[in-house]
Amino acid sequence: MRILVTGGAGFIGANLCRALAAMPEVRRVTVLDDLSSGHARNLDGLDVDFVHGSILDAELLATLAGDATTVIHLAARPSVPRSLEDPLASHTVNATGTLHVLEACRAGRPHVILASSSSVYGDCPEPRKHEDLPTRPLSPYGASKLATEAYALAYARCFGLPVLPFRFFNVYGPLQGADHAYAAVIPTFVSAVLSGRAVPVHGDGRQARDFTYVGSVTDVIVQAARNRVTSATPVNLAFGTRVSLLELRDILAVVLGEPVETAFLPSRAGDIRESQASPRLLRDLFPGVRPMSLADGLRMTVTWFEQTMRTQSASHM
């Protein structure tokens, strides 16, 4: 296999590249990333071909996709708050960028795996979000990811492109940064505690999430690439857990062996109250997959943060 990973220097992408590089059947991994949210250092030590460029560069994409047997499209402008500040930028990268990727793949028809998001469900009252539910995004980010998966399925139907759109749910783990204003909740919590600060909780803290360890996500994507799995509908990539932010704080306290202070802040526009996946379709397609427990995933995440902080501290001495 010759695999192109867009957004491969990002948090999920770099973890995925580590797994792909270890597969004996993979002849080459090429990463395309503009480094707007990823970091080249995430790929240090990996045998991958790195191309610094954008998914909005149609000519570059055509060249790279034309030589690939599998394209894993992870490049995106992430974050709900970021999309509220600049909706057009989120649309341009997430929707138009995906269209460029699909157009680049249309001629050679490689297997295309791509990332959508649980945010497409919005605040649907159904406790467990299954793929047959109506989609009601609450933010420009959610709307842009809905366009991502809709375009992919349209290209599958119209042009015979083999596609597999995944809906990610609150992925966390090593390489996920907390050093920016749009950081996700788990790196924000871990970074705050290790720095001696209270964890920031927007709202009452009872909003629930289906946290998914990045290693579980990459395991599924690797299986999908190896077996050329496709789907006529989007597929939830999460395992049906439900953890509130206050419960997350308490589990983190157990992992660290110390109490965790909380700073309550105003609720944020576009935030979803309940996000829990139904994993039925995922388990049908990948019956052997087993998720990492939240406690174990947090331990591995904390260990990575501690090592990173020690390295940064030593470099400033």
C-alpha atoms as a PDB file:
ATOM      1  CA  MET A   1       0.000   0.000   0.000  1.00  0.00           C
ATOM      2  CA  ARG A   2       1.022   3.565  -0.725  1.00  0.00           C
ATOM      3  CA  ILE A   3      -0.792   5.811   1.731  1.00  0.00           C
ATOM      4  CA  LEU A   4      -1.343   9.564   1.664  1.00  0.00           C
ATOM      5  CA  VAL A   5      -2.331  11.103   5.002  1.00  0.00           C
ATOM      6  CA  THR A   6      -3.603  14.665   4.876  1.00  0.00           C
ATOM      7  CA  GLY A   7      -3.127  16.426   8.199  1.00  0.00           C
ATOM      8  CA  GLY A   8      -0.597  13.756   9.120  1.00  0.00           C
ATOM      9  CA  ALA A   9       1.464  16.069  11.342  1.00  0.00           C
ATOM     10  CA  GLY A  10      -1.515  16.722  13.592  1.00  0.00           C
ATOM     11  CA  PHE A  11      -2.401  14.944  16.798  1.00  0.00           C
ATOM     12  CA  ILE A  12      -4.434  12.072  15.331  1.00  0.00           C
ATOM     13  CA  GLY A  13      -2.478  12.018  12.078  1.00  0.00           C
ATOM     14  CA  ALA A  14       0.940  11.629  13.693  1.00  0.00           C
ATOM     15  CA  ASN A  15      -0.319   8.834  15.953  1.00  0.00           C
ATOM     16  CA  LEU A  16      -1.777   7.165  12.876  1.00  0.00           C
ATOM     17  CA  CYS A  17       1.476   7.524  10.928  1.00  0.00           C
ATOM     18  CA  ARG A  18       3.296   5.665  13.692  1.00  0.00           C
ATOM     19  CA  ALA A  19       0.884   2.762  13.309  1.00  0.00           C
ATOM     20  CA  LEU A  20       0.998   2.814   9.505  1.00  0.00           C
ATOM     21  CA  ALA A  21       4.803   2.887   9.408  1.00  0.00           C
ATOM     22  CA  ALA A  22       4.841  -0.350  11.405  1.00  0.00           C
ATOM     23  CA  MET A  23       2.653  -2.216   8.882  1.00  0.00           C
ATOM     24  CA  PRO A  24       4.771  -4.523   6.662  1.00  0.00           C
ATOM     25  CA  GLU A  25       2.357  -4.176   3.744  1.00  0.00           C
ATOM     26  CA  VAL A  26       2.767  -0.391   3.645  1.00  0.00           C
ATOM     27  CA  ARG A  27       5.408   0.576   1.079  1.00  0.00           C
ATOM     28  CA  ARG A  28       5.274   4.317   1.643  1.00  0.00           C
ATOM     29  CA  VAL A  29       3.494   6.857   3.840  1.00  0.00           C
ATOM     30  CA  THR A  30       3.266  10.414   2.518  1.00  0.00           C
ATOM     31  CA  VAL A  31       2.106  13.223   4.800  1.00  0.00           C
ATOM     32  CA  LEU A  32       0.585  16.423   3.452  1.00  0.00           C
ATOM     33  CA  ASP A  33       0.231  19.133   6.102  1.00  0.00           C
ATOM     34  CA  ASP A  34       0.350  22.940   6.111  1.00  0.00           C
ATOM     35  CA  LEU A  35       1.360  22.920   9.810  1.00  0.00           C
ATOM     36  CA  SER A  36      -1.414  25.362  10.713  1.00  0.00           C
ATOM     37  CA  SER A  37      -2.327  23.175  13.690  1.00  0.00           C
ATOM     38  CA  GLY A  38       0.085  20.234  13.383  1.00  0.00           C
ATOM     39  CA  HIS A  39       3.823  20.176  14.088  1.00  0.00           C
ATOM     40  CA  ALA A  40       6.634  18.656  12.031  1.00  0.00           C
ATOM     41  CA  ARG A  41       8.241  17.465  15.287  1.00  0.00           C
ATOM     42  CA  ASN A  42       5.304  15.060  15.729  1.00  0.00           C
ATOM     43  CA  LEU A  43       6.810  13.030  12.881  1.00  0.00           C
ATOM     44  CA  ASP A  44      10.364  12.934  14.258  1.00  0.00           C
ATOM     45  CA  GLY A  45      11.919   9.492  13.843  1.00  0.00           C
ATOM     46  CA  LEU A  46       9.238   8.231  11.455  1.00  0.00           C
ATOM     47  CA  ASP A  47       9.996   6.880   7.991  1.00  0.00           C
ATOM     48  CA  VAL A  48       7.467   9.040   6.145  1.00  0.00           C
ATOM     49  CA  ASP A  49       7.682  11.475   3.235  1.00  0.00           C
ATOM     50  CA  PHE A  50       6.611  14.896   4.497  1.00  0.00           C
ATOM     51  CA  VAL A  51       5.179  17.472   2.084  1.00  0.00           C
ATOM     52  CA  HIS A  52       4.551  20.963   3.455  1.00  0.00           C
ATOM     53  CA  GLY A  53       1.453  22.075   1.600  1.00  0.00           C
ATOM     54  CA  SER A  54      -2.287  22.643   1.673  1.00  0.00           C
ATOM     55  CA  ILE A  55      -5.308  20.573   0.683  1.00  0.00           C
ATOM     56  CA  LEU A  56      -6.474  23.745  -1.081  1.00  0.00           C
ATOM     57  CA  ASP A  57      -3.617  23.274  -3.588  1.00  0.00           C
ATOM     58  CA  ALA A  58      -5.446  21.223  -6.223  1.00  0.00           C
ATOM     59  CA  GLU A  59      -2.359  20.617  -8.402  1.00  0.00           C
ATOM     60  CA  LEU A  60      -0.282  19.331  -5.475  1.00  0.00           C
ATOM     61  CA  LEU A  61      -3.124  17.118  -4.286  1.00  0.00           C
ATOM     62  CA  ALA A  62      -3.590  15.609  -7.735  1.00  0.00           C
ATOM     63  CA  THR A  63       0.084  14.647  -7.851  1.00  0.00           C
ATOM     64  CA  LEU A  64       0.123  13.087  -4.392  1.00  0.00           C
ATOM     65  CA  ALA A  65      -3.247  11.324  -4.627  1.00  0.00           C
ATOM     66  CA  GLY A  66      -2.428  10.014  -8.088  1.00  0.00           C
ATOM     67  CA  ASP A  67       0.331   7.857  -6.614  1.00  0.00           C
ATOM     68  CA  ALA A  68      -1.650   6.592  -3.600  1.00  0.00           C
ATOM     69  CA  THR A  69      -3.620   3.395  -3.157  1.00  0.00           C
ATOM     70  CA  THR A  70      -5.171   4.736   0.060  1.00  0.00           C
ATOM     71  CA  VAL A  71      -5.919   8.323   1.089  1.00  0.00           C
ATOM     72  CA  ILE A  72      -6.664   9.061   4.740  1.00  0.00           C
ATOM     73  CA  HIS A  73      -8.084  12.566   4.942  1.00  0.00           C
ATOM     74  CA  LEU A  74      -7.650  14.092   8.401  1.00  0.00           C
ATOM     75  CA  ALA A  75      -6.686  17.660   7.488  1.00  0.00           C
ATOM     76  CA  ALA A  76      -9.164  20.153   8.922  1.00  0.00           C
ATOM     77  CA  ARG A  77      -9.574  23.441  10.703  1.00  0.00           C
ATOM     78  CA  PRO A  78     -10.577  22.080  14.128  1.00  0.00           C
ATOM     79  CA  SER A  79     -12.546  23.530  17.049  1.00  0.00           C
ATOM     80  CA  VAL A  80     -16.095  24.774  17.533  1.00  0.00           C
ATOM     81  CA  PRO A  81     -14.992  28.097  19.141  1.00  0.00           C
ATOM     82  CA  ARG A  82     -12.575  28.706  16.290  1.00  0.00           C
ATOM     83  CA  SER A  83     -15.387  28.241  13.775  1.00  0.00           C
ATOM     84  CA  LEU A  84     -17.519  30.784  15.624  1.00  0.00           C
ATOM     85  CA  GLU A  85     -14.763  33.368  15.225  1.00  0.00           C
ATOM     86  CA  ASP A  86     -14.244  32.681  11.518  1.00  0.00           C
ATOM     87  CA  PRO A  87     -16.974  30.514   9.951  1.00  0.00           C
ATOM     88  CA  LEU A  88     -15.780  31.090   6.402  1.00  0.00           C
ATOM     89  CA  ALA A  89     -12.277  29.791   7.159  1.00  0.00           C
ATOM     90  CA  SER A  90     -13.717  26.612   8.700  1.00  0.00           C
ATOM     91  CA  HIS A  91     -15.912  26.061   5.656  1.00  0.00           C
ATOM     92  CA  THR A  92     -13.070  26.705   3.222  1.00  0.00           C
ATOM     93  CA  VAL A  93     -10.710  24.175   4.789  1.00  0.00           C
ATOM     94  CA  ASN A  94     -13.188  21.547   5.943  1.00  0.00           C
ATOM     95  CA  ALA A  95     -15.766  21.565   3.137  1.00  0.00           C
ATOM     96  CA  THR A  96     -13.975  23.010   0.103  1.00  0.00           C
ATOM     97  CA  GLY A  97     -10.717  21.325   1.131  1.00  0.00           C
ATOM     98  CA  THR A  98     -12.448  17.954   1.278  1.00  0.00           C
ATOM     99  CA  LEU A  99     -13.924  18.568  -2.165  1.00  0.00           C
ATOM    100  CA  HIS A 100     -10.381  19.166  -3.477  1.00  0.00           C
ATOM    101  CA  VAL A 101      -9.266  15.858  -1.913  1.00  0.00           C
ATOM    102  CA  LEU A 102     -12.163  13.943  -3.468  1.00  0.00           C
ATOM    103  CA  GLU A 103     -11.572  15.530  -6.889  1.00  0.00           C
ATOM    104  CA  ALA A 104      -7.904  14.545  -6.683  1.00  0.00           C
ATOM    105  CA  CYS A 105      -8.978  10.965  -5.967  1.00  0.00           C
ATOM    106  CA  ARG A 106     -11.675  10.741  -8.638  1.00  0.00           C
ATOM    107  CA  ALA A 107      -9.429   9.605 -11.498  1.00  0.00           C
ATOM    108  CA  GLY A 108      -7.421   6.886  -9.763  1.00  0.00           C
ATOM    109  CA  ARG A 109     -10.144   5.961  -7.247  1.00  0.00           C
ATOM    110  CA  PRO A 110      -7.954   5.070  -4.249  1.00  0.00           C
ATOM    111  CA  HIS A 111      -9.626   3.918  -1.059  1.00  0.00           C
ATOM    112  CA  VAL A 112     -10.566   7.100   0.849  1.00  0.00           C
ATOM    113  CA  ILE A 113     -10.969   7.150   4.641  1.00  0.00           C
ATOM    114  CA  LEU A 114     -11.971  10.506   6.073  1.00  0.00           C
ATOM    115  CA  ALA A 115     -12.808  12.180   9.362  1.00  0.00           C
ATOM    116  CA  SER A 116     -16.135  13.744  10.205  1.00  0.00           C
ATOM    117  CA  SER A 117     -17.287  14.591  13.716  1.00  0.00           C
ATOM    118  CA  SER A 118     -19.915  13.860  16.345  1.00  0.00           C
ATOM    119  CA  SER A 119     -20.721  17.568  16.189  1.00  0.00           C
ATOM    120  CA  VAL A 120     -22.946  16.850  13.168  1.00  0.00           C
ATOM    121  CA  TYR A 121     -25.588  15.459  15.570  1.00  0.00           C
ATOM    122  CA  GLY A 122     -25.932  18.726  17.481  1.00  0.00           C
ATOM    123  CA  ASP A 123     -28.164  18.509  20.539  1.00  0.00           C
ATOM    124  CA  CYS A 124     -30.324  15.675  19.228  1.00  0.00           C
ATOM    125  CA  PRO A 125     -32.271  14.381  22.288  1.00  0.00           C
ATOM    126  CA  GLU A 126     -31.622  10.702  21.504  1.00  0.00           C
ATOM    127  CA  PRO A 127     -29.340   9.440  24.331  1.00  0.00           C
ATOM    128  CA  ARG A 128     -27.075   7.409  22.058  1.00  0.00           C
ATOM    129  CA  LYS A 129     -26.278   8.967  18.731  1.00  0.00           C
ATOM    130  CA  HIS A 130     -26.714   6.436  15.930  1.00  0.00           C
ATOM    131  CA  GLU A 131     -26.018   7.048  12.283  1.00  0.00           C
ATOM    132  CA  ASP A 132     -29.687   7.078  11.222  1.00  0.00           C
ATOM    133  CA  LEU A 133     -30.518  10.112  13.362  1.00  0.00           C
ATOM    134  CA  PRO A 134     -31.158  13.479  11.715  1.00  0.00           C
ATOM    135  CA  THR A 135     -28.152  15.803  11.773  1.00  0.00           C
ATOM    136  CA  ARG A 136     -28.564  19.258  13.339  1.00  0.00           C
ATOM    137  CA  PRO A 137     -25.157  20.954  13.749  1.00  0.00           C
ATOM    138  CA  LEU A 138     -25.014  23.751  16.330  1.00  0.00           C
ATOM    139  CA  SER A 139     -21.865  25.411  14.971  1.00  0.00           C
ATOM    140  CA  PRO A 140     -20.189  26.280  11.673  1.00  0.00           C
ATOM    141  CA  TYR A 141     -17.602  23.604  12.507  1.00  0.00           C
ATOM    142  CA  GLY A 142     -20.333  20.942  12.774  1.00  0.00           C
ATOM    143  CA  ALA A 143     -21.901  22.124   9.530  1.00  0.00           C
ATOM    144  CA  SER A 144     -18.546  21.995   7.732  1.00  0.00           C
ATOM    145  CA  LYS A 145     -17.928  18.421   8.893  1.00  0.00           C
ATOM    146  CA  LEU A 146     -21.408  17.416   7.767  1.00  0.00           C
ATOM    147  CA  ALA A 147     -20.477  18.764   4.335  1.00  0.00           C
ATOM    148  CA  THR A 148     -17.268  16.709   4.498  1.00  0.00           C
ATOM    149  CA  GLU A 149     -19.075  13.396   4.872  1.00  0.00           C
ATOM    150  CA  ALA A 150     -21.910  14.355   2.514  1.00  0.00           C
ATOM    151  CA  TYR A 151     -19.477  15.118  -0.303  1.00  0.00           C
ATOM    152  CA  ALA A 152     -17.662  11.836   0.280  1.00  0.00           C
ATOM    153  CA  LEU A 153     -20.858   9.795   0.070  1.00  0.00           C
ATOM    154  CA  ALA A 154     -21.963  11.734  -3.011  1.00  0.00           C
ATOM    155  CA  TYR A 155     -18.656  10.926  -4.739  1.00  0.00           C
ATOM    156  CA  ALA A 156     -19.077   7.279  -3.804  1.00  0.00           C
ATOM    157  CA  ARG A 157     -22.526   7.191  -5.360  1.00  0.00           C
ATOM    158  CA  CYS A 158     -21.779   9.277  -8.467  1.00  0.00           C
ATOM    159  CA  PHE A 159     -18.209   8.291  -9.300  1.00  0.00           C
ATOM    160  CA  GLY A 160     -17.690   4.885  -7.680  1.00  0.00           C
ATOM    161  CA  LEU A 161     -15.111   6.197  -5.203  1.00  0.00           C
ATOM    162  CA  PRO A 162     -14.592   3.684  -2.340  1.00  0.00           C
ATOM    163  CA  VAL A 163     -15.073   5.759   0.824  1.00  0.00           C
ATOM    164  CA  LEU A 164     -15.359   5.313   4.579  1.00  0.00           C
ATOM    165  CA  PRO A 165     -16.428   8.403   6.556  1.00  0.00           C
ATOM    166  CA  PHE A 166     -15.844   8.188  10.310  1.00  0.00           C
ATOM    167  CA  ARG A 167     -17.507  10.404  12.915  1.00  0.00           C
ATOM    168  CA  PHE A 168     -14.923  11.026  15.643  1.00  0.00           C
ATOM    169  CA  PHE A 169     -16.073  11.579  19.235  1.00  0.00           C
ATOM    170  CA  ASN A 170     -13.762  13.562  21.559  1.00  0.00           C
ATOM    171  CA  VAL A 171     -10.490  11.870  20.664  1.00  0.00           C
ATOM    172  CA  TYR A 172      -7.668  12.382  23.190  1.00  0.00           C
ATOM    173  CA  GLY A 173      -4.167  11.140  23.958  1.00  0.00           C
ATOM    174  CA  PRO A 174      -0.441  11.811  23.436  1.00  0.00           C
ATOM    175  CA  LEU A 175       0.565  14.604  21.033  1.00  0.00           C
ATOM    176  CA  GLN A 176      -2.662  16.524  21.675  1.00  0.00           C
ATOM    177  CA  GLY A 177      -1.550  20.014  22.645  1.00  0.00           C
ATOM    178  CA  ALA A 178      -2.951  22.314  25.306  1.00  0.00           C
ATOM    179  CA  ASP A 179      -0.902  25.358  24.329  1.00  0.00           C
ATOM    180  CA  HIS A 180      -3.590  27.243  22.430  1.00  0.00           C
ATOM    181  CA  ALA A 181      -6.962  28.873  23.050  1.00  0.00           C
ATOM    182  CA  TYR A 182      -8.917  26.113  21.301  1.00  0.00           C
ATOM    183  CA  ALA A 183      -7.488  23.123  23.169  1.00  0.00           C
ATOM    184  CA  ALA A 184      -9.785  20.159  23.824  1.00  0.00           C
ATOM    185  CA  VAL A 185     -10.987  19.381  27.328  1.00  0.00           C
ATOM    186  CA  ILE A 186      -8.654  16.516  28.313  1.00  0.00           C
ATOM    187  CA  PRO A 187      -5.344  18.203  27.396  1.00  0.00           C
ATOM    188  CA  THR A 188      -6.677  21.386  29.000  1.00  0.00           C
ATOM    189  CA  PHE A 189      -7.473  19.529  32.232  1.00  0.00           C
ATOM    190  CA  VAL A 190      -4.185  17.597  32.327  1.00  0.00           C
ATOM    191  CA  SER A 191      -2.063  20.639  31.543  1.00  0.00           C
ATOM    192  CA  ALA A 192      -3.855  22.706  34.195  1.00  0.00           C
ATOM    193  CA  VAL A 193      -3.369  20.142  36.956  1.00  0.00           C
ATOM    194  CA  LEU A 194       0.303  19.495  36.126  1.00  0.00           C
ATOM    195  CA  SER A 195       0.889  23.254  36.159  1.00  0.00           C
ATOM    196  CA  GLY A 196      -0.787  23.662  39.551  1.00  0.00           C
ATOM    197  CA  ARG A 197      -3.927  25.372  38.246  1.00  0.00           C
ATOM    198  CA  ALA A 198      -7.619  24.621  38.632  1.00  0.00           C
ATOM    199  CA  VAL A 199      -9.256  22.847  35.705  1.00  0.00           C
ATOM    200  CA  PRO A 200     -11.584  25.189  33.765  1.00  0.00           C
ATOM    201  CA  VAL A 201     -15.159  23.900  33.447  1.00  0.00           C
ATOM    202  CA  HIS A 202     -17.556  25.802  31.205  1.00  0.00           C
ATOM    203  CA  GLY A 203     -21.132  25.585  32.481  1.00  0.00           C
ATOM    204  CA  ASP A 204     -22.180  23.214  35.269  1.00  0.00           C
ATOM    205  CA  GLY A 205     -19.791  20.408  34.275  1.00  0.00           C
ATOM    206  CA  ARG A 206     -22.580  17.881  33.807  1.00  0.00           C
ATOM    207  CA  GLN A 207     -22.317  17.924  30.020  1.00  0.00           C
ATOM    208  CA  ALA A 208     -21.266  14.443  28.907  1.00  0.00           C
ATOM    209  CA  ARG A 209     -18.823  13.176  26.305  1.00  0.00           C
ATOM    210  CA  ASP A 210     -17.827   9.856  24.725  1.00  0.00           C
ATOM    211  CA  PHE A 211     -14.049  10.128  25.125  1.00  0.00           C
ATOM    212  CA  THR A 212     -12.063   7.931  22.726  1.00  0.00           C
ATOM    213  CA  TYR A 213      -8.361   7.198  23.137  1.00  0.00           C
ATOM    214  CA  VAL A 214      -6.332   8.002  20.046  1.00  0.00           C
ATOM    215  CA  GLY A 215      -4.767   4.525  19.981  1.00  0.00           C
ATOM    216  CA  SER A 216      -8.241   2.991  19.658  1.00  0.00           C
ATOM    217  CA  VAL A 217      -8.983   5.348  16.776  1.00  0.00           C
ATOM    218  CA  THR A 218      -5.776   4.506  14.929  1.00  0.00           C
ATOM    219  CA  ASP A 219      -6.348   0.758  15.465  1.00  0.00           C
ATOM    220  CA  VAL A 220      -9.679   1.037  13.663  1.00  0.00           C
ATOM    221  CA  ILE A 221      -8.281   3.168  10.831  1.00  0.00           C
ATOM    222  CA  VAL A 222      -5.400   0.736  10.301  1.00  0.00           C
ATOM    223  CA  GLN A 223      -7.861  -2.155  10.051  1.00  0.00           C
ATOM    224  CA  ALA A 224     -10.000  -0.143   7.656  1.00  0.00           C
ATOM    225  CA  ALA A 225      -7.014   0.611   5.412  1.00  0.00           C
ATOM    226  CA  ARG A 226      -5.718  -2.954   5.491  1.00  0.00           C
ATOM    227  CA  ASN A 227      -9.103  -4.454   4.579  1.00  0.00           C
ATOM    228  CA  ARG A 228     -10.331  -1.610   2.333  1.00  0.00           C
ATOM    229  CA  VAL A 229     -13.505  -1.236   4.389  1.00  0.00           C
ATOM    230  CA  THR A 230     -16.175   1.017   2.907  1.00  0.00           C
ATOM    231  CA  SER A 231     -19.583   2.161   4.090  1.00  0.00           C
ATOM    232  CA  ALA A 232     -22.621   3.698   2.422  1.00  0.00           C
ATOM    233  CA  THR A 233     -23.240   5.745   5.596  1.00  0.00           C
ATOM    234  CA  PRO A 234     -20.986   7.551   8.068  1.00  0.00           C
ATOM    235  CA  VAL A 235     -19.684   5.373  10.924  1.00  0.00           C
ATOM    236  CA  ASN A 236     -19.359   6.477  14.551  1.00  0.00           C
ATOM    237  CA  LEU A 237     -15.819   5.910  15.746  1.00  0.00           C
ATOM    238  CA  ALA A 238     -16.464   5.707  19.489  1.00  0.00           C
ATOM    239  CA  PHE A 239     -17.541   3.017  21.920  1.00  0.00           C
ATOM    240  CA  GLY A 240     -20.651   4.287  23.689  1.00  0.00           C
ATOM    241  CA  THR A 241     -19.203   5.598  26.949  1.00  0.00           C
ATOM    242  CA  ARG A 242     -20.769   8.546  28.769  1.00  0.00           C
ATOM    243  CA  VAL A 243     -18.593  10.648  31.094  1.00  0.00           C
ATOM    244  CA  SER A 244     -19.460  14.103  32.395  1.00  0.00           C
ATOM    245  CA  LEU A 245     -16.774  16.741  32.780  1.00  0.00           C
ATOM    246  CA  LEU A 246     -17.088  16.492  36.559  1.00  0.00           C
ATOM    247  CA  GLU A 247     -16.638  12.710  36.356  1.00  0.00           C
ATOM    248  CA  LEU A 248     -13.626  13.252  34.098  1.00  0.00           C
ATOM    249  CA  ARG A 249     -12.145  15.574  36.715  1.00  0.00           C
ATOM    250  CA  ASP A 250     -12.663  12.926  39.418  1.00  0.00           C
ATOM    251  CA  ILE A 251     -11.127  10.116  37.333  1.00  0.00           C
ATOM    252  CA  LEU A 252      -8.143  12.355  36.614  1.00  0.00           C
ATOM    253  CA  ALA A 253      -7.759  12.971  40.362  1.00  0.00           C
ATOM    254  CA  VAL A 254      -7.596   9.188  40.941  1.00  0.00           C
ATOM    255  CA  VAL A 255      -5.050   8.746  38.140  1.00  0.00           C
ATOM    256  CA  LEU A 256      -2.864  11.526  39.592  1.00  0.00           C
ATOM    257  CA  GLY A 257      -3.425  10.527  43.196  1.00  0.00           C
ATOM    258  CA  GLU A 258      -4.255  14.065  44.240  1.00  0.00           C
ATOM    259  CA  PRO A 259      -7.347  16.311  44.421  1.00  0.00           C
ATOM    260  CA  VAL A 260      -8.192  18.455  41.415  1.00  0.00           C
ATOM    261  CA  GLU A 261      -9.482  22.000  41.899  1.00  0.00           C
ATOM    262  CA  THR A 262     -12.231  23.323  39.639  1.00  0.00           C
ATOM    263  CA  ALA A 263     -12.818  26.800  38.186  1.00  0.00           C
ATOM    264  CA  PHE A 264     -16.361  27.160  36.833  1.00  0.00           C
ATOM    265  CA  LEU A 265     -16.718  29.466  33.824  1.00  0.00           C
ATOM    266  CA  PRO A 266     -19.670  30.624  31.679  1.00  0.00           C
ATOM    267  CA  SER A 267     -21.093  28.196  29.142  1.00  0.00           C
ATOM    268  CA  ARG A 268     -19.791  28.485  25.585  1.00  0.00           C
ATOM    269  CA  ALA A 269     -21.868  29.027  22.455  1.00  0.00           C
ATOM    270  CA  GLY A 270     -22.069  25.975  20.203  1.00  0.00           C
ATOM    271  CA  ASP A 271     -21.261  23.474  22.971  1.00  0.00           C
ATOM    272  CA  ILE A 272     -23.222  20.224  22.857  1.00  0.00           C
ATOM    273  CA  ARG A 273     -24.807  18.999  26.077  1.00  0.00           C
ATOM    274  CA  GLU A 274     -24.734  15.242  25.467  1.00  0.00           C
ATOM    275  CA  SER A 275     -22.440  13.376  23.063  1.00  0.00           C
ATOM    276  CA  GLN A 276     -22.510   9.586  23.283  1.00  0.00           C
ATOM    277  CA  ALA A 277     -22.154   7.200  20.368  1.00  0.00           C
ATOM    278  CA  SER A 278     -24.007   4.079  19.467  1.00  0.00           C
ATOM    279  CA  PRO A 279     -21.139   1.797  18.356  1.00  0.00           C
ATOM    280  CA  ARG A 280     -23.342  -0.838  16.703  1.00  0.00           C
ATOM    281  CA  LEU A 281     -22.234  -0.150  13.126  1.00  0.00           C
ATOM    282  CA  LEU A 282     -18.583   0.189  14.181  1.00  0.00           C
ATOM    283  CA  ARG A 283     -18.692  -3.219  15.878  1.00  0.00           C
ATOM    284  CA  ASP A 284     -20.399  -4.766  12.852  1.00  0.00           C
ATOM    285  CA  LEU A 285     -17.587  -3.553  10.595  1.00  0.00           C
ATOM    286  CA  PHE A 286     -14.744  -4.130  13.099  1.00  0.00           C
ATOM    287  CA  PRO A 287     -15.892  -6.942  15.420  1.00  0.00           C
ATOM    288  CA  GLY A 288     -12.499  -7.467  17.051  1.00  0.00           C
ATOM    289  CA  VAL A 289     -11.810  -3.889  18.111  1.00  0.00           C
ATOM    290  CA  ARG A 290     -11.506  -3.183  21.844  1.00  0.00           C
ATOM    291  CA  PRO A 291     -11.390   0.322  23.345  1.00  0.00           C
ATOM    292  CA  MET A 292      -8.872   1.623  25.855  1.00  0.00           C
ATOM    293  CA  SER A 293     -10.447   2.435  29.224  1.00  0.00           C
ATOM    294  CA  LEU A 294     -10.590   6.125  30.117  1.00  0.00           C
ATOM    295  CA  ALA A 295      -8.438   5.638  33.218  1.00  0.00           C
ATOM    296  CA  ASP A 296      -5.720   3.817  31.254  1.00  0.00           C
ATOM    297  CA  GLY A 297      -5.880   6.340  28.443  1.00  0.00           C
ATOM    298  CA  LEU A 298      -5.561   9.207  30.912  1.00  0.00           C
ATOM    299  CA  ARG A 299      -2.503   7.554  32.492  1.00  0.00           C
ATOM    300  CA  MET A 300      -0.786   7.361  29.116  1.00  0.00           C
ATOM    301  CA  THR A 301      -1.773  10.945  28.333  1.00  0.00           C
ATOM    302  CA  VAL A 302      -0.488  12.222  31.685  1.00  0.00           C
ATOM    303  CA  THR A 303       2.794  10.358  31.161  1.00  0.00           C
ATOM    304  CA  TRP A 304       3.246  12.014  27.763  1.00  0.00           C
ATOM    305  CA  PHE A 305       2.482  15.464  29.211  1.00  0.00           C
ATOM    306  CA  GLU A 306       4.947  14.938  32.061  1.00  0.00           C
ATOM    307  CA  GLN A 307       7.694  13.857  29.661  1.00  0.00           C
ATOM    308  CA  THR A 308       6.978  16.814  27.364  1.00  0.00           C
ATOM    309  CA  MET A 309       7.048  19.294  30.240  1.00  0.00           C
ATOM    310  CA  ARG A 310      10.364  17.867  31.506  1.00  0.00           C
ATOM    311  CA  THR A 311      11.871  18.150  28.029  1.00  0.00           C
ATOM    312  CA  GLN A 312      10.696  21.743  27.654  1.00  0.00           C
ATOM    313  CA  SER A 313      11.995  22.635  31.108  1.00  0.00           C
ATOM    314  CA  ALA A 314      15.414  21.114  30.351  1.00  0.00           C
ATOM    315  CA  SER A 315      15.646  22.980  27.045  1.00  0.00           C
ATOM    316  CA  HIS A 316      15.119  26.312  28.849  1.00  0.00           C
ATOM    317  CA  MET A 317      17.847  25.697  31.413  1.00  0.00           C
END
